[in-house]
C-alpha cells in the first residue's frame, strides 16, 4: 500500500513539475514573440496616424484610422511603380528559382552521374562567399553583357544566391521519396523529364511552397544588388524605392514612409500566415535525410 501511494505521489509531483515547466516555456516564448513582432506593429501603428499625432507622440495609438498616408505614398512617392517592379522581379525570380532548383534537386538526388558529389559541394560553397566580395565582379559582368537596368540583371544573380539553400532543401526532400516509384515509372516507359514533372513535382509540392516563400522573401526584400544593378529610378524595386521615399520626408512627412514600409512588410506576412503549416512540415521533412 505504501509503495502504491509513493508511486502516485511521485507521478503527481512529476506532472506538476512538467506543468510548471510548460508554463515557464510558454511565457518565455510569448515574450520572445512580442519582442519580435513589436517593431512591425509599431510601424503599422505609425502608418495610420496623422503627421501631427506622430510628431506629438511616437508611442500613442492613432485616434482614428488614417488612410491618407497610403494614398500619399502611392500617388506622390511613386510607391505604385516600385511595387509593380518588385512584383514583376519577384515573380520572374520565383519561376527561375523553382524550375532550376527542382531540376538540380532531382539530378543530385535520383540520377546517377560522375562527380555528382563534387559538383554538389561546389554549388554549396557559394553559401560561404560573402555577397560584398562578388558584388563588383557581378556588376562588371552585367555591364559587359549590356543587361544593366533589365529584368535579367536582377533575376539571375538572385538565383545564384538562392541556389545552394534551395538545393539542400529540395534534395533532402526528394531523398525521402522511394526510388521504387521512379523505377516503376521507367518500366512503364516514362522518360526523365516526364518522371520529373508528372511524378516528382506533385510529390514535392509542400517543399516548393517553402522554396517559393524563401526565394520570394529574398527577392522582395533584397536591397544591395538592386541598388547597384539598377540606376533607372523608374525601375527601382520596393526596397530601394522606400529609401527614395524616406529622402522625401521634408515634402511628404514621416507617416507616408511608415505606410510604404507597412505595404512592403505585410505582403509576405500574409502569405506566410496562410502557408505556415506547409512551410514547417516541409522544412521538417527535408531535414530528416540529406
Protein backbone atom coordinates (compact mmCIF):
# COMPACT_ATOMS: atom_id res chain seq x y z
CA UNK A 1 0.00 0.00 0.00
CA UNK A 2 2.77 2.46 0.93
CA UNK A 3 4.61 1.73 -2.32
CA UNK A 4 1.42 2.40 -4.34
CA UNK A 5 0.85 5.72 -2.55
CA UNK A 6 4.51 6.65 -3.11
CA UNK A 7 4.25 5.95 -6.83
CA UNK A 8 1.08 8.04 -7.12
CA UNK A 9 2.72 10.90 -5.21
CA UNK A 10 5.82 10.82 -7.43
CA UNK A 11 3.66 10.69 -10.56
CA UNK A 12 1.59 13.66 -9.35
CA UNK A 13 4.71 15.60 -8.43
CA UNK A 14 6.22 14.84 -11.84
CA UNK A 15 3.09 16.11 -13.61
CA UNK A 16 3.13 19.30 -11.52
CA UNK A 17 6.82 19.89 -12.36
CA UNK A 18 6.13 19.29 -16.02
CA UNK A 19 3.16 21.66 -15.90
CA UNK A 20 5.29 24.35 -14.24
CA UNK A 21 7.99 23.92 -16.89
CA UNK A 22 5.40 24.21 -19.66
CA UNK A 23 4.07 27.47 -18.21
CA UNK A 24 7.57 28.95 -17.94
CA UNK A 25 8.34 27.84 -21.51
CA UNK A 26 5.08 29.40 -22.75
CA UNK A 27 5.83 32.70 -21.00
CA UNK A 28 9.34 32.83 -22.45
CA UNK A 29 8.07 32.05 -25.97
CA UNK A 30 5.35 34.68 -25.59
CA UNK A 31 7.90 37.31 -24.58
CA UNK A 32 10.18 36.40 -27.50
CA UNK A 33 7.20 36.59 -29.88
CA UNK A 34 6.17 40.01 -28.56
CA UNK A 35 9.73 41.34 -28.85
CA UNK A 36 9.92 40.04 -32.43
CA UNK A 37 6.54 41.33 -33.55
CA UNK A 38 6.59 44.69 -31.75
CA UNK A 39 8.73 46.61 -34.32
CA UNK A 40 6.32 45.61 -37.11
CA UNK A 41 3.29 46.54 -35.02
CA UNK A 42 4.89 49.87 -34.16
CA UNK A 43 5.42 50.66 -37.85
CA UNK A 44 1.82 49.71 -38.68
CA UNK A 45 0.51 51.93 -35.87
CA UNK A 46 2.53 54.91 -37.13
CA UNK A 47 1.23 54.39 -40.68
CA UNK A 48 -2.34 55.11 -39.53
CA UNK A 49 -1.50 58.32 -37.64
CA UNK A 50 -1.69 61.84 -38.92
CA UNK A 51 1.59 63.71 -39.16
CA UNK A 52 0.64 65.81 -36.14
CA UNK A 53 -0.16 62.77 -34.00
CA UNK A 54 3.18 61.16 -34.90
CA UNK A 55 5.18 64.29 -34.07
CA UNK A 56 3.28 64.72 -30.82
CA UNK A 57 3.99 61.17 -29.57
CA UNK A 58 5.50 58.13 -31.26
CA UNK A 59 4.14 55.82 -28.56
CA UNK A 60 0.45 56.76 -28.60
CA UNK A 61 -2.24 54.97 -30.58
CA UNK A 62 -3.97 56.71 -33.50
CA UNK A 63 -7.31 58.28 -32.59
CA UNK A 64 -8.72 57.02 -35.90
CA UNK A 65 -7.52 55.03 -38.90
CA UNK A 66 -5.98 57.49 -41.33
CA UNK A 67 -5.55 56.05 -44.85
CA UNK A 68 -4.29 59.31 -46.35
CA UNK A 69 -0.70 58.18 -45.71
CA UNK A 70 -1.16 55.24 -48.06
CA UNK A 71 -2.72 57.48 -50.71
CA UNK A 72 0.20 59.90 -50.40
CA UNK A 73 2.74 57.07 -50.66
CA UNK A 74 1.13 55.70 -53.81
CA UNK A 75 0.36 58.97 -55.57
CA UNK A 76 3.14 61.35 -54.54
CA UNK A 77 6.01 58.98 -53.71
CA UNK A 78 5.71 56.53 -56.66
CA UNK A 79 5.04 53.56 -54.38
CA UNK A 80 2.82 52.00 -57.06
CA UNK A 81 5.73 51.98 -59.54
CA UNK A 82 8.12 50.43 -57.03
CA UNK A 83 5.52 47.85 -56.02
CA UNK A 84 4.84 46.88 -59.64
CA UNK A 85 8.56 46.48 -60.37
CA UNK A 86 9.02 44.33 -57.27
CA UNK A 87 6.08 42.08 -58.11
CA UNK A 88 7.46 41.53 -61.63
CA UNK A 89 11.01 40.91 -60.39
CA UNK A 90 9.87 38.58 -57.61
CA UNK A 91 7.55 36.62 -59.92
CA UNK A 92 10.26 36.14 -62.55
CA UNK A 93 12.79 35.19 -59.87
CA UNK A 94 10.44 32.59 -58.40
CA UNK A 95 9.89 30.97 -61.79
CA UNK A 96 13.64 30.70 -62.40
CA UNK A 97 14.35 29.59 -58.82
CA UNK A 98 11.73 26.86 -58.68
CA UNK A 99 12.35 25.43 -62.15
CA UNK A 100 16.14 25.30 -61.95
CA UNK A 101 16.37 24.24 -58.29
CA UNK A 102 13.81 21.46 -58.87
CA UNK A 103 15.84 20.15 -61.83
CA UNK A 104 19.04 20.35 -59.77
CA UNK A 105 17.48 18.61 -56.79
CA UNK A 106 16.19 15.75 -58.93
CA UNK A 107 19.53 15.33 -60.68
CA UNK A 108 21.56 15.21 -57.46
CA UNK A 109 19.03 13.07 -55.61
CA UNK A 110 17.92 10.46 -58.15
CA UNK A 111 20.16 10.47 -61.20
CA UNK A 112 23.45 8.61 -61.49
CA UNK A 113 26.30 10.71 -62.85
CA UNK A 114 30.03 11.10 -62.45
CA UNK A 115 31.46 13.59 -59.97
CA UNK A 116 27.98 14.20 -58.51
CA UNK A 117 29.24 14.89 -55.00
CA UNK A 118 31.97 17.19 -56.32
CA UNK A 119 29.52 19.40 -58.22
CA UNK A 120 27.05 19.30 -55.33
CA UNK A 121 29.60 20.66 -52.87
CA UNK A 122 30.88 23.18 -55.39
CA UNK A 123 27.38 24.68 -55.51
CA UNK A 124 27.13 24.68 -51.72
CA UNK A 125 30.44 26.55 -51.44
CA UNK A 126 28.57 29.61 -52.71
CA UNK A 127 26.98 29.86 -49.27
CA UNK A 128 30.41 30.60 -47.78
CA UNK A 129 31.14 33.53 -50.10
CA UNK A 130 30.05 36.91 -48.65
CA UNK A 131 27.91 38.94 -51.05
CA UNK A 132 30.11 42.11 -50.94
CA UNK A 133 33.07 40.10 -52.28
CA UNK A 134 31.28 39.13 -55.50
CA UNK A 135 29.31 42.35 -55.87
CA UNK A 136 31.87 44.10 -58.09
CA UNK A 137 32.56 41.08 -60.37
CA UNK A 138 28.81 40.54 -60.86
CA UNK A 139 28.30 44.21 -61.67
CA UNK A 140 31.13 44.18 -64.24
CA UNK A 141 29.59 41.11 -65.87
CA UNK A 142 26.20 42.79 -66.02
CA UNK A 143 27.77 45.86 -67.67
CA UNK A 144 29.75 43.72 -70.15
CA UNK A 145 26.62 41.79 -71.10
CA UNK A 146 24.70 45.04 -71.58
CA UNK A 147 21.82 43.97 -69.32
CA UNK A 148 22.04 46.75 -66.73
CA UNK A 149 18.60 48.12 -65.78
CA UNK A 150 16.90 44.96 -67.10
CA UNK A 151 14.99 42.13 -65.51
CA UNK A 152 17.80 39.66 -66.24
CA UNK A 153 20.25 41.77 -64.21
CA UNK A 154 18.07 41.19 -61.16
CA UNK A 155 16.79 37.63 -61.61
CA UNK A 156 19.90 35.55 -62.29
CA UNK A 157 22.08 37.00 -59.51
CA UNK A 158 19.17 36.38 -57.13
CA UNK A 159 19.06 32.76 -58.29
CA UNK A 160 22.82 32.40 -57.80
CA UNK A 161 22.41 33.41 -54.16
CA UNK A 162 19.36 31.20 -53.61
CA UNK A 163 20.57 28.03 -55.36
CA UNK A 164 22.66 26.49 -52.50
CA UNK A 165 19.92 26.68 -49.86
CA UNK A 166 17.23 25.68 -52.36
CA UNK A 167 19.29 22.69 -53.47
CA UNK A 168 19.83 21.50 -49.89
CA UNK A 169 16.10 21.65 -49.13
CA UNK A 170 14.74 20.14 -52.34
CA UNK A 171 17.37 17.39 -52.48
CA UNK A 172 16.74 16.46 -48.85
CA UNK A 173 13.01 16.24 -49.57
CA UNK A 174 13.49 14.14 -52.72
CA UNK A 175 15.87 11.79 -50.90
CA UNK A 176 12.90 10.67 -48.81
CA UNK A 177 10.91 9.63 -51.90
CA UNK A 178 11.38 5.87 -52.56
CA UNK A 179 13.43 5.02 -55.64
CA UNK A 180 10.92 2.26 -56.41
CA UNK A 181 8.46 4.90 -57.63
CA UNK A 182 10.94 6.09 -60.24
CA UNK A 183 11.88 2.55 -61.25
CA UNK A 184 8.20 1.70 -61.75
CA UNK A 185 7.74 4.79 -63.91
CA UNK A 186 10.75 3.82 -66.04
CA UNK A 187 9.31 0.35 -66.56
CA UNK A 188 6.08 1.98 -67.76
CA UNK A 189 8.10 3.90 -70.35
CA UNK A 190 8.41 7.31 -68.71
CA UNK A 191 11.45 9.39 -69.59
CA UNK A 192 13.47 11.57 -67.22
CA UNK A 193 11.56 14.81 -67.79
CA UNK A 194 8.19 13.10 -67.64
CA UNK A 195 9.13 11.47 -64.32
CA UNK A 196 10.28 14.84 -63.02
CA UNK A 197 7.21 16.88 -63.96
CA UNK A 198 4.48 14.24 -63.69
CA UNK A 199 5.65 12.34 -60.61
CA UNK A 200 8.28 14.19 -58.61
CA UNK A 201 6.88 17.71 -58.80
CA UNK A 202 3.45 16.73 -57.39
CA UNK A 203 5.18 14.84 -54.57
CA UNK A 204 7.38 17.78 -53.59
CA UNK A 205 4.70 20.49 -53.72
CA UNK A 206 4.98 21.27 -49.98
CA UNK A 207 8.71 21.92 -50.39
CA UNK A 208 8.06 24.02 -53.50
CA UNK A 209 5.74 26.19 -51.39
CA UNK A 210 8.54 26.60 -48.85
CA UNK A 211 11.06 27.45 -51.56
CA UNK A 212 8.62 29.97 -53.03
CA UNK A 213 8.30 31.70 -49.65
CA UNK A 214 12.06 31.74 -49.01
CA UNK A 215 13.01 32.77 -52.54
CA UNK A 216 10.19 35.29 -52.73
CA UNK A 217 11.18 36.93 -49.44
CA UNK A 218 14.79 37.12 -50.59
CA UNK A 219 13.87 38.77 -53.89
CA UNK A 220 11.23 41.03 -52.31
CA UNK A 221 13.48 42.44 -49.59
CA UNK A 222 16.89 42.43 -51.31
CA UNK A 223 18.44 45.89 -51.34
CA UNK A 224 22.17 45.86 -52.09
CA UNK A 225 22.18 44.26 -55.55
CA UNK A 226 19.01 46.06 -56.62
CA UNK A 227 20.66 49.37 -55.76
CA UNK A 228 23.87 48.52 -57.64
CA UNK A 229 22.42 46.95 -60.79
CA UNK A 230 19.51 49.37 -61.36
CA UNK A 231 20.23 53.05 -61.97
CA UNK A 232 16.96 53.95 -63.70
CA UNK A 233 14.65 55.31 -60.97
CA UNK A 234 11.57 54.14 -62.85
CA UNK A 235 12.80 50.54 -62.45
CA UNK A 236 13.65 50.67 -58.75
CA UNK A 237 12.39 47.84 -56.58
CA UNK A 238 10.41 48.39 -53.40
CA UNK A 239 13.38 48.16 -51.05
CA UNK A 240 15.31 50.80 -52.97
CA UNK A 241 12.17 52.84 -53.59
CA UNK A 242 11.42 53.08 -49.87
CA UNK A 243 14.88 54.56 -49.36
CA UNK A 244 13.97 57.15 -52.00
CA UNK A 245 10.64 57.83 -50.27
CA UNK A 246 12.50 58.28 -46.99
CA UNK A 247 14.56 61.04 -48.59
CA UNK A 248 11.29 62.89 -49.35
CA UNK A 249 10.36 63.27 -45.67
CA UNK A 250 10.79 67.04 -45.93
CA UNK A 251 7.96 67.23 -48.50
CA UNK A 252 5.60 64.34 -47.69
CA UNK A 253 6.27 63.81 -43.96
CA UNK A 254 7.16 60.78 -41.88
CA UNK A 255 3.89 58.84 -41.81
CA UNK A 256 3.73 58.06 -45.58
CA UNK A 257 7.14 56.40 -45.17
CA UNK A 258 5.66 54.13 -42.50
CA UNK A 259 2.74 53.41 -44.84
CA UNK A 260 5.20 52.31 -47.53
CA UNK A 261 7.03 50.10 -45.02
CA UNK A 262 3.72 48.55 -43.96
CA UNK A 263 2.80 47.68 -47.55
CA UNK A 264 6.22 46.14 -48.12
CA UNK A 265 6.18 44.05 -44.94
CA UNK A 266 2.59 42.86 -44.89
CA UNK A 267 2.66 41.11 -48.27
CA UNK A 268 4.81 38.20 -47.13
CA UNK A 269 3.46 38.27 -43.59
CA UNK A 270 0.02 37.47 -45.01
CA UNK A 271 1.42 34.83 -47.39
CA UNK A 272 3.34 33.16 -44.56
CA UNK A 273 0.29 33.10 -42.27
CA UNK A 274 -1.66 31.17 -44.91
CA UNK A 275 1.21 28.80 -45.75
CA UNK A 276 2.90 28.35 -42.35
CA UNK A 277 1.72 24.73 -41.81
CA UNK A 278 3.08 23.67 -45.19
CA UNK A 279 6.26 25.63 -44.54
CA UNK A 280 7.01 23.97 -41.20
CA UNK A 281 6.05 20.48 -42.40
CA UNK A 282 8.25 20.62 -45.50
CA UNK A 283 11.24 22.03 -43.60
CA UNK A 284 10.96 19.19 -41.08
CA UNK A 285 10.59 16.52 -43.75
CA UNK A 286 13.51 17.86 -45.76
CA UNK A 287 15.74 17.82 -42.70
CA UNK A 288 15.23 14.13 -41.93
CA UNK A 289 17.65 12.96 -44.56
CA UNK A 290 20.08 14.83 -46.77
